[in-house]
């Protein structure tokens, strides 16, 4: 992920959840094992996004398809 995000600094990263564009934040720094998504979100929106991202990561990790 670090290599990919470092090549796309100042560009938007589409976050697709359940087949729909959920957010499109701008990449300000490369992601390694951790990344920060910032913006004008309500607490409920953040909690929903975190929950949905965590579920997707768990699925990808369990089937071996996660990109490290």
PDB file of N, CA and C in Angstrom:
ATOM      1  N   UNK A   1       0.833  -1.190   0.000  1.00  0.00           N
ATOM      2  CA  UNK A   1       0.000   0.000   0.000  1.00  0.00           C
ATOM      3  C   UNK A   1       0.876   1.252   0.000  1.00  0.00           C
ATOM      4  N   UNK A   2       2.025   1.191   0.675  1.00  0.00           N
ATOM      5  CA  UNK A   2       2.903   2.362   0.751  1.00  0.00           C
ATOM      6  C   UNK A   2       3.381   2.772  -0.640  1.00  0.00           C
ATOM      7  N   UNK A   3       3.787   1.808  -1.435  1.00  0.00           N
ATOM      8  CA  UNK A   3       4.274   2.097  -2.783  1.00  0.00           C
ATOM      9  C   UNK A   3       3.172   2.728  -3.641  1.00  0.00           C
ATOM     10  N   UNK A   4       1.987   2.158  -3.564  1.00  0.00           N
ATOM     11  CA  UNK A   4       0.867   2.660  -4.356  1.00  0.00           C
ATOM     12  C   UNK A   4       0.470   4.069  -3.942  1.00  0.00           C
ATOM     13  N   UNK A   5       0.297   4.303  -2.648  1.00  0.00           N
ATOM     14  CA  UNK A   5      -0.146   5.627  -2.208  1.00  0.00           C
ATOM     15  C   UNK A   5       0.933   6.679  -2.386  1.00  0.00           C
ATOM     16  N   UNK A   6       2.205   6.307  -2.252  1.00  0.00           N
ATOM     17  CA  UNK A   6       3.267   7.302  -2.436  1.00  0.00           C
ATOM     18  C   UNK A   6       3.345   7.780  -3.889  1.00  0.00           C
ATOM     19  N   UNK A   7       2.891   6.958  -4.816  1.00  0.00           N
ATOM     20  CA  UNK A   7       2.881   7.337  -6.233  1.00  0.00           C
ATOM     21  C   UNK A   7       1.686   8.224  -6.593  1.00  0.00           C
ATOM     22  N   UNK A   8       0.748   8.361  -5.657  1.00  0.00           N
ATOM     23  CA  UNK A   8      -0.477   9.101  -5.960  1.00  0.00           C
ATOM     24  C   UNK A   8      -0.764  10.216  -4.948  1.00  0.00           C
ATOM     25  N   UNK A   9       0.283  10.794  -4.395  1.00  0.00           N
ATOM     26  CA  UNK A   9       0.105  11.902  -3.453  1.00  0.00           C
ATOM     27  C   UNK A   9      -0.643  13.046  -4.125  1.00  0.00           C
ATOM     28  N   UNK A  10      -1.481  13.714  -3.382  1.00  0.00           N
ATOM     29  CA  UNK A  10      -2.317  14.835  -3.835  1.00  0.00           C
ATOM     30  C   UNK A  10      -3.439  14.406  -4.778  1.00  0.00           C
ATOM     31  N   UNK A  11      -3.628  13.098  -4.945  1.00  0.00           N
ATOM     32  CA  UNK A  11      -4.739  12.595  -5.750  1.00  0.00           C
ATOM     33  C   UNK A  11      -5.788  11.994  -4.819  1.00  0.00           C
ATOM     34  N   UNK A  12      -6.984  11.822  -5.343  1.00  0.00           N
ATOM     35  CA  UNK A  12      -8.046  11.247  -4.535  1.00  0.00           C
ATOM     36  C   UNK A  12      -7.981   9.719  -4.561  1.00  0.00           C
ATOM     37  N   UNK A  13      -8.395   9.140  -3.441  1.00  0.00           N
ATOM     38  CA  UNK A  13      -8.483   7.694  -3.294  1.00  0.00           C
ATOM     39  C   UNK A  13      -9.950   7.350  -3.068  1.00  0.00           C
ATOM     40  N   UNK A  14     -10.545   6.651  -4.014  1.00  0.00           N
ATOM     41  CA  UNK A  14     -11.952   6.264  -3.864  1.00  0.00           C
ATOM     42  C   UNK A  14     -12.072   5.110  -2.886  1.00  0.00           C
ATOM     43  N   UNK A  15     -12.953   5.256  -1.915  1.00  0.00           N
ATOM     44  CA  UNK A  15     -13.230   4.180  -0.968  1.00  0.00           C
ATOM     45  C   UNK A  15     -14.577   3.591  -1.346  1.00  0.00           C
ATOM     46  N   UNK A  16     -14.541   2.369  -1.869  1.00  0.00           N
ATOM     47  CA  UNK A  16     -15.738   1.679  -2.331  1.00  0.00           C
ATOM     48  C   UNK A  16     -16.136   0.661  -1.269  1.00  0.00           C
ATOM     49  N   UNK A  17     -17.328   0.808  -0.735  1.00  0.00           N
ATOM     50  CA  UNK A  17     -17.856  -0.128   0.256  1.00  0.00           C
ATOM     51  C   UNK A  17     -19.207  -0.622  -0.225  1.00  0.00           C
ATOM     52  N   UNK A  18     -19.387  -1.927  -0.219  1.00  0.00           N
ATOM     53  CA  UNK A  18     -20.638  -2.530  -0.679  1.00  0.00           C
ATOM     54  C   UNK A  18     -20.980  -2.089  -2.094  1.00  0.00           C
ATOM     55  N   UNK A  19     -19.959  -1.939  -2.940  1.00  0.00           N
ATOM     56  CA  UNK A  19     -20.174  -1.594  -4.338  1.00  0.00           C
ATOM     57  C   UNK A  19     -20.505  -0.149  -4.620  1.00  0.00           C
ATOM     58  N   UNK A  20     -20.428   0.715  -3.603  1.00  0.00           N
ATOM     59  CA  UNK A  20     -20.753   2.130  -3.803  1.00  0.00           C
ATOM     60  C   UNK A  20     -19.615   3.009  -3.296  1.00  0.00           C
ATOM     61  N   UNK A  21     -19.392   4.128  -3.991  1.00  0.00           N
ATOM     62  CA  UNK A  21     -18.382   5.085  -3.555  1.00  0.00           C
ATOM     63  C   UNK A  21     -18.826   5.675  -2.214  1.00  0.00           C
ATOM     64  N   UNK A  22     -18.013   5.457  -1.186  1.00  0.00           N
ATOM     65  CA  UNK A  22     -18.346   5.925   0.161  1.00  0.00           C
ATOM     66  C   UNK A  22     -17.678   7.257   0.445  1.00  0.00           C
ATOM     67  N   UNK A  23     -16.462   7.435  -0.059  1.00  0.00           N
ATOM     68  CA  UNK A  23     -15.684   8.642   0.197  1.00  0.00           C
ATOM     69  C   UNK A  23     -14.564   8.710  -0.828  1.00  0.00           C
ATOM     70  N   UNK A  24     -14.030   9.910  -1.047  1.00  0.00           N
ATOM     71  CA  UNK A  24     -12.917  10.078  -1.992  1.00  0.00           C
ATOM     72  C   UNK A  24     -11.930  11.097  -1.430  1.00  0.00           C
ATOM     73  N   UNK A  25     -11.252  10.743  -0.322  1.00  0.00           N
ATOM     74  CA  UNK A  25     -10.313  11.673   0.291  1.00  0.00           C
ATOM     75  C   UNK A  25      -9.042  11.833  -0.553  1.00  0.00           C
ATOM     76  N   UNK A  26      -8.346  12.923  -0.324  1.00  0.00           N
ATOM     77  CA  UNK A  26      -7.073  13.182  -0.992  1.00  0.00           C
ATOM     78  C   UNK A  26      -5.947  12.520  -0.206  1.00  0.00           C
ATOM     79  N   UNK A  27      -5.020  11.884  -0.916  1.00  0.00           N
ATOM     80  CA  UNK A  27      -3.870  11.233  -0.283  1.00  0.00           C
ATOM     81  C   UNK A  27      -2.828  12.307   0.026  1.00  0.00           C
ATOM     82  N   UNK A  28      -2.544  12.515   1.318  1.00  0.00           N
ATOM     83  CA  UNK A  28      -1.557  13.511   1.736  1.00  0.00           C
ATOM     84  C   UNK A  28      -0.221  12.896   2.111  1.00  0.00           C
ATOM     85  N   UNK A  29      -0.224  11.614   2.457  1.00  0.00           N
ATOM     86  CA  UNK A  29       1.023  10.909   2.769  1.00  0.00           C
ATOM     87  C   UNK A  29       0.817   9.434   2.486  1.00  0.00           C
ATOM     88  N   UNK A  30       1.923   8.745   2.273  1.00  0.00           N
ATOM     89  CA  UNK A  30       1.856   7.327   1.956  1.00  0.00           C
ATOM     90  C   UNK A  30       1.327   6.524   3.146  1.00  0.00           C
ATOM     91  N   UNK A  31       0.498   5.530   2.849  1.00  0.00           N
ATOM     92  CA  UNK A  31       0.002   4.615   3.884  1.00  0.00           C
ATOM     93  C   UNK A  31       1.016   3.477   4.013  1.00  0.00           C
ATOM     94  N   UNK A  32       1.316   3.104   5.217  1.00  0.00           N
ATOM     95  CA  UNK A  32       2.115   1.891   5.418  1.00  0.00           C
ATOM     96  C   UNK A  32       1.201   0.892   6.115  1.00  0.00           C
ATOM     97  N   UNK A  33       1.492   0.538   7.336  1.00  0.00           N
ATOM     98  CA  UNK A  33       0.587  -0.354   8.068  1.00  0.00           C
ATOM     99  C   UNK A  33      -0.600   0.414   8.626  1.00  0.00           C
ATOM    100  N   UNK A  34      -0.484   1.726   8.691  1.00  0.00           N
ATOM    101  CA  UNK A  34      -1.557   2.575   9.179  1.00  0.00           C
ATOM    102  C   UNK A  34      -1.761   3.724   8.196  1.00  0.00           C
ATOM    103  N   UNK A  35      -2.975   4.211   8.147  1.00  0.00           N
ATOM    104  CA  UNK A  35      -3.273   5.365   7.306  1.00  0.00           C
ATOM    105  C   UNK A  35      -4.293   6.239   8.021  1.00  0.00           C
ATOM    106  N   UNK A  36      -4.343   7.494   7.635  1.00  0.00           N
ATOM    107  CA  UNK A  36      -5.282   8.428   8.249  1.00  0.00           C
ATOM    108  C   UNK A  36      -6.188   8.973   7.159  1.00  0.00           C
ATOM    109  N   UNK A  37      -7.484   8.884   7.397  1.00  0.00           N
ATOM    110  CA  UNK A  37      -8.475   9.468   6.496  1.00  0.00           C
ATOM    111  C   UNK A  37      -9.116  10.607   7.267  1.00  0.00           C
ATOM    112  N   UNK A  38      -8.976  11.817   6.749  1.00  0.00           N
ATOM    113  CA  UNK A  38      -9.534  12.969   7.464  1.00  0.00           C
ATOM    114  C   UNK A  38     -10.563  13.667   6.586  1.00  0.00           C
ATOM    115  N   UNK A  39     -11.445  14.399   7.238  1.00  0.00           N
ATOM    116  CA  UNK A  39     -12.473  15.128   6.509  1.00  0.00           C
ATOM    117  C   UNK A  39     -13.549  15.601   7.459  1.00  0.00           C
ATOM    118  N   UNK A  40     -14.633  16.071   6.890  1.00  0.00           N
ATOM    119  CA  UNK A  40     -15.763  16.561   7.679  1.00  0.00           C
ATOM    120  C   UNK A  40     -16.808  15.455   7.805  1.00  0.00           C
ATOM    121  N   UNK A  41     -16.565  14.541   8.738  1.00  0.00           N
ATOM    122  CA  UNK A  41     -17.452  13.414   8.953  1.00  0.00           C
ATOM    123  C   UNK A  41     -18.137  13.552  10.305  1.00  0.00           C
ATOM    124  N   UNK A  42     -19.363  13.053  10.388  1.00  0.00           N
ATOM    125  CA  UNK A  42     -20.006  12.966  11.699  1.00  0.00           C
ATOM    126  C   UNK A  42     -19.440  11.738  12.409  1.00  0.00           C
ATOM    127  N   UNK A  43     -19.633  11.670  13.703  1.00  0.00           N
ATOM    128  CA  UNK A  43     -19.165  10.514  14.466  1.00  0.00           C
ATOM    129  C   UNK A  43     -19.810   9.233  13.927  1.00  0.00           C
ATOM    130  N   UNK A  44     -21.086   9.289  13.614  1.00  0.00           N
ATOM    131  CA  UNK A  44     -21.789   8.114  13.083  1.00  0.00           C
ATOM    132  C   UNK A  44     -21.198   7.674  11.739  1.00  0.00           C
ATOM    133  N   UNK A  45     -20.858   8.638  10.875  1.00  0.00           N
ATOM    134  CA  UNK A  45     -20.256   8.300   9.577  1.00  0.00           C
ATOM    135  C   UNK A  45     -18.894   7.634   9.763  1.00  0.00           C
ATOM    136  N   UNK A  46     -18.113   8.146  10.700  1.00  0.00           N
ATOM    137  CA  UNK A  46     -16.791   7.563  10.966  1.00  0.00           C
ATOM    138  C   UNK A  46     -16.936   6.144  11.497  1.00  0.00           C
ATOM    139  N   UNK A  47     -17.821   5.953  12.456  1.00  0.00           N
ATOM    140  CA  UNK A  47     -18.011   4.630  13.037  1.00  0.00           C
ATOM    141  C   UNK A  47     -18.488   3.630  11.980  1.00  0.00           C
ATOM    142  N   UNK A  48     -19.388   4.059  11.102  1.00  0.00           N
ATOM    143  CA  UNK A  48     -19.878   3.192  10.033  1.00  0.00           C
ATOM    144  C   UNK A  48     -18.754   2.832   9.069  1.00  0.00           C
ATOM    145  N   UNK A  49     -17.961   3.833   8.664  1.00  0.00           N
ATOM    146  CA  UNK A  49     -16.871   3.582   7.728  1.00  0.00           C
ATOM    147  C   UNK A  49     -15.827   2.645   8.342  1.00  0.00           C
ATOM    148  N   UNK A  50     -15.466   2.873   9.588  1.00  0.00           N
ATOM    149  CA  UNK A  50     -14.475   2.023  10.262  1.00  0.00           C
ATOM    150  C   UNK A  50     -14.990   0.587  10.340  1.00  0.00           C
ATOM    151  N   UNK A  51     -16.235   0.428  10.719  1.00  0.00           N
ATOM    152  CA  UNK A  51     -16.822  -0.908  10.832  1.00  0.00           C
ATOM    153  C   UNK A  51     -16.811  -1.631   9.488  1.00  0.00           C
ATOM    154  N   UNK A  52     -17.236  -0.938   8.446  1.00  0.00           N
ATOM    155  CA  UNK A  52     -17.299  -1.551   7.118  1.00  0.00           C
ATOM    156  C   UNK A  52     -15.907  -1.850   6.564  1.00  0.00           C
ATOM    157  N   UNK A  53     -14.962  -0.942   6.783  1.00  0.00           N
ATOM    158  CA  UNK A  53     -13.583  -1.197   6.337  1.00  0.00           C
ATOM    159  C   UNK A  53     -12.982  -2.385   7.077  1.00  0.00           C
ATOM    160  N   UNK A  54     -13.195  -2.451   8.386  1.00  0.00           N
ATOM    161  CA  UNK A  54     -12.653  -3.554   9.189  1.00  0.00           C
ATOM    162  C   UNK A  54     -13.216  -4.892   8.723  1.00  0.00           C
ATOM    163  N   UNK A  55     -14.510  -4.943   8.423  1.00  0.00           N
ATOM    164  CA  UNK A  55     -15.114  -6.180   7.933  1.00  0.00           C
ATOM    165  C   UNK A  55     -14.496  -6.593   6.601  1.00  0.00           C
ATOM    166  N   UNK A  56     -14.293  -5.633   5.699  1.00  0.00           N
ATOM    167  CA  UNK A  56     -13.711  -5.945   4.389  1.00  0.00           C
ATOM    168  C   UNK A  56     -12.273  -6.419   4.536  1.00  0.00           C
ATOM    169  N   UNK A  57     -11.513  -5.776   5.401  1.00  0.00           N
ATOM    170  CA  UNK A  57     -10.123  -6.184   5.626  1.00  0.00           C
ATOM    171  C   UNK A  57     -10.078  -7.589   6.204  1.00  0.00           C
ATOM    172  N   UNK A  58     -10.976  -7.901   7.131  1.00  0.00           N
ATOM    173  CA  UNK A  58     -11.021  -9.240   7.729  1.00  0.00           C
ATOM    174  C   UNK A  58     -11.307 -10.290   6.665  1.00  0.00           C
ATOM    175  N   UNK A  59     -12.223 -10.003   5.750  1.00  0.00           N
ATOM    176  CA  UNK A  59     -12.550 -10.943   4.681  1.00  0.00           C
ATOM    177  C   UNK A  59     -11.334 -11.151   3.781  1.00  0.00           C
ATOM    178  N   UNK A  60     -10.689 -10.060   3.381  1.00  0.00           N
ATOM    179  CA  UNK A  60      -9.536 -10.168   2.493  1.00  0.00           C
ATOM    180  C   UNK A  60      -8.364 -10.854   3.167  1.00  0.00           C
ATOM    181  N   UNK A  61      -8.172 -10.608   4.448  1.00  0.00           N
ATOM    182  CA  UNK A  61      -7.076 -11.230   5.181  1.00  0.00           C
ATOM    183  C   UNK A  61      -7.326 -12.732   5.328  1.00  0.00           C
ATOM    184  N   UNK A  62      -8.561 -13.119   5.585  1.00  0.00           N
ATOM    185  CA  UNK A  62      -8.863 -14.536   5.774  1.00  0.00           C
ATOM    186  C   UNK A  62      -8.732 -15.336   4.492  1.00  0.00           C
ATOM    187  N   UNK A  63      -8.926 -14.691   3.325  1.00  0.00           N
ATOM    188  CA  UNK A  63      -8.782 -15.437   2.085  1.00  0.00           C
ATOM    189  C   UNK A  63      -7.428 -15.190   1.408  1.00  0.00           C
ATOM    190  N   UNK A  64      -6.561 -14.440   2.071  1.00  0.00           N
ATOM    191  CA  UNK A  64      -5.201 -14.237   1.570  1.00  0.00           C
ATOM    192  C   UNK A  64      -5.054 -13.193   0.495  1.00  0.00           C
ATOM    193  N   UNK A  65      -6.096 -12.384   0.243  1.00  0.00           N
ATOM    194  CA  UNK A  65      -6.013 -11.434  -0.865  1.00  0.00           C
ATOM    195  C   UNK A  65      -5.628 -10.020  -0.437  1.00  0.00           C
ATOM    196  N   UNK A  66      -5.357  -9.788   0.854  1.00  0.00           N
ATOM    197  CA  UNK A  66      -5.008  -8.443   1.330  1.00  0.00           C
ATOM    198  C   UNK A  66      -3.641  -8.037   0.819  1.00  0.00           C
ATOM    199  N   UNK A  67      -3.493  -6.760   0.452  1.00  0.00           N
ATOM    200  CA  UNK A  67      -2.233  -6.195  -0.024  1.00  0.00           C
ATOM    201  C   UNK A  67      -1.481  -5.594   1.150  1.00  0.00           C
ATOM    202  N   UNK A  68      -0.288  -6.042   1.421  1.00  0.00           N
ATOM    203  CA  UNK A  68       0.465  -5.546   2.570  1.00  0.00           C
ATOM    204  C   UNK A  68       1.370  -4.417   2.171  1.00  0.00           C
TER     205      UNK A  68
END
